[in-house]
Amino acid sequence: MSTTTVRLNADDREILDGLAPLFGGRSNAIRQALRSLAADRKRHLALESFLDAWDAEAGPVDEEAVAAMARRYGL
């Protein structure tokens, strides 16, 4: 296993110290954060691919239709 140095500011240290007990220590909390970031990135890429395929099949998004849906659903 390799070692990586990470410099944290006071706010980040406070966050890490709060998470460390939940994940079995600081290193485990950081490992979990990396896994979460990787999973988020994977989901983002999958969504991007899905939207690209949808756009290719159905054409570009109709901005007025999106605005109407946002108004309808209070978004």
Protein backbone atom coordinates (compact mmCIF):
# COMPACT_ATOMS: atom_id res chain seq x y z
CA MET A 1 0.00 0.00 0.00
CA SER A 2 1.35 3.43 -0.88
CA THR A 3 1.30 6.62 1.13
CA THR A 4 0.04 9.96 -0.15
CA THR A 5 0.36 13.25 1.67
CA VAL A 6 -2.70 15.48 1.72
CA ARG A 7 -2.58 19.02 3.06
CA LEU A 8 -5.84 20.08 4.66
CA ASN A 9 -6.98 23.44 5.89
CA ALA A 10 -8.65 23.79 9.29
CA ASP A 11 -12.17 23.33 7.90
CA ASP A 12 -11.20 20.18 6.02
CA ARG A 13 -9.46 18.75 9.11
CA GLU A 14 -12.62 19.39 11.12
CA ILE A 15 -14.72 17.58 8.52
CA LEU A 16 -12.28 14.66 8.40
CA ASP A 17 -12.13 14.45 12.19
CA GLY A 18 -15.94 14.32 12.29
CA LEU A 19 -16.07 11.55 9.68
CA ALA A 20 -13.13 9.48 10.94
CA PRO A 21 -15.00 7.75 13.79
CA LEU A 22 -17.79 6.73 11.41
CA PHE A 23 -15.39 5.04 8.97
CA GLY A 24 -12.80 3.55 11.32
CA GLY A 25 -10.20 6.29 11.09
CA ARG A 26 -8.99 9.11 8.93
CA SER A 27 -7.48 6.92 6.22
CA ASN A 28 -10.66 4.89 5.84
CA ALA A 29 -12.74 8.07 5.67
CA ILE A 30 -10.51 9.39 2.89
CA ARG A 31 -10.69 6.06 1.04
CA GLN A 32 -14.49 6.15 1.28
CA ALA A 33 -14.50 9.73 -0.01
CA LEU A 34 -12.40 8.67 -3.00
CA ARG A 35 -14.75 5.79 -3.73
CA SER A 36 -17.75 8.12 -3.48
CA LEU A 37 -16.13 10.62 -5.84
CA ALA A 38 -15.34 7.83 -8.31
CA ALA A 39 -18.94 6.56 -8.13
CA ASP A 40 -20.27 10.10 -8.65
CA ARG A 41 -18.03 10.51 -11.68
CA LYS A 42 -19.16 7.15 -13.10
CA ARG A 43 -22.84 8.15 -12.66
CA HIS A 44 -22.13 11.54 -14.27
CA LEU A 45 -20.50 9.90 -17.30
CA ALA A 46 -23.37 7.42 -17.62
CA LEU A 47 -25.93 10.23 -17.50
CA GLU A 48 -23.93 12.23 -20.04
CA SER A 49 -23.83 9.20 -22.36
CA PHE A 50 -27.57 8.62 -21.91
CA LEU A 51 -28.37 12.26 -22.68
CA ASP A 52 -26.11 12.23 -25.74
CA ALA A 53 -27.88 9.11 -27.04
CA TRP A 54 -31.29 10.64 -26.30
CA ASP A 55 -30.30 13.85 -28.06
CA ALA A 56 -29.09 11.88 -31.09
CA GLU A 57 -32.38 9.96 -31.23
CA ALA A 58 -34.89 12.67 -30.33
CA GLY A 59 -33.10 15.86 -31.28
CA PRO A 60 -32.13 18.78 -29.07
CA VAL A 61 -34.10 19.69 -25.98
CA ASP A 62 -36.92 22.18 -26.53
CA GLU A 63 -36.07 24.91 -24.04
CA GLU A 64 -39.65 26.20 -23.93
CA ALA A 65 -40.93 22.70 -23.10
CA VAL A 66 -38.40 22.46 -20.27
CA ALA A 67 -39.44 25.88 -18.96
CA ALA A 68 -43.11 24.84 -19.10
CA MET A 69 -42.37 21.67 -17.14
CA ALA A 70 -40.36 23.65 -14.58
CA ARG A 71 -43.30 26.02 -14.11
CA ARG A 72 -45.76 23.13 -13.93
CA TYR A 73 -43.79 21.26 -11.27
CA GLY A 74 -42.52 24.29 -9.36
CA LEU A 75 -38.86 23.75 -10.17
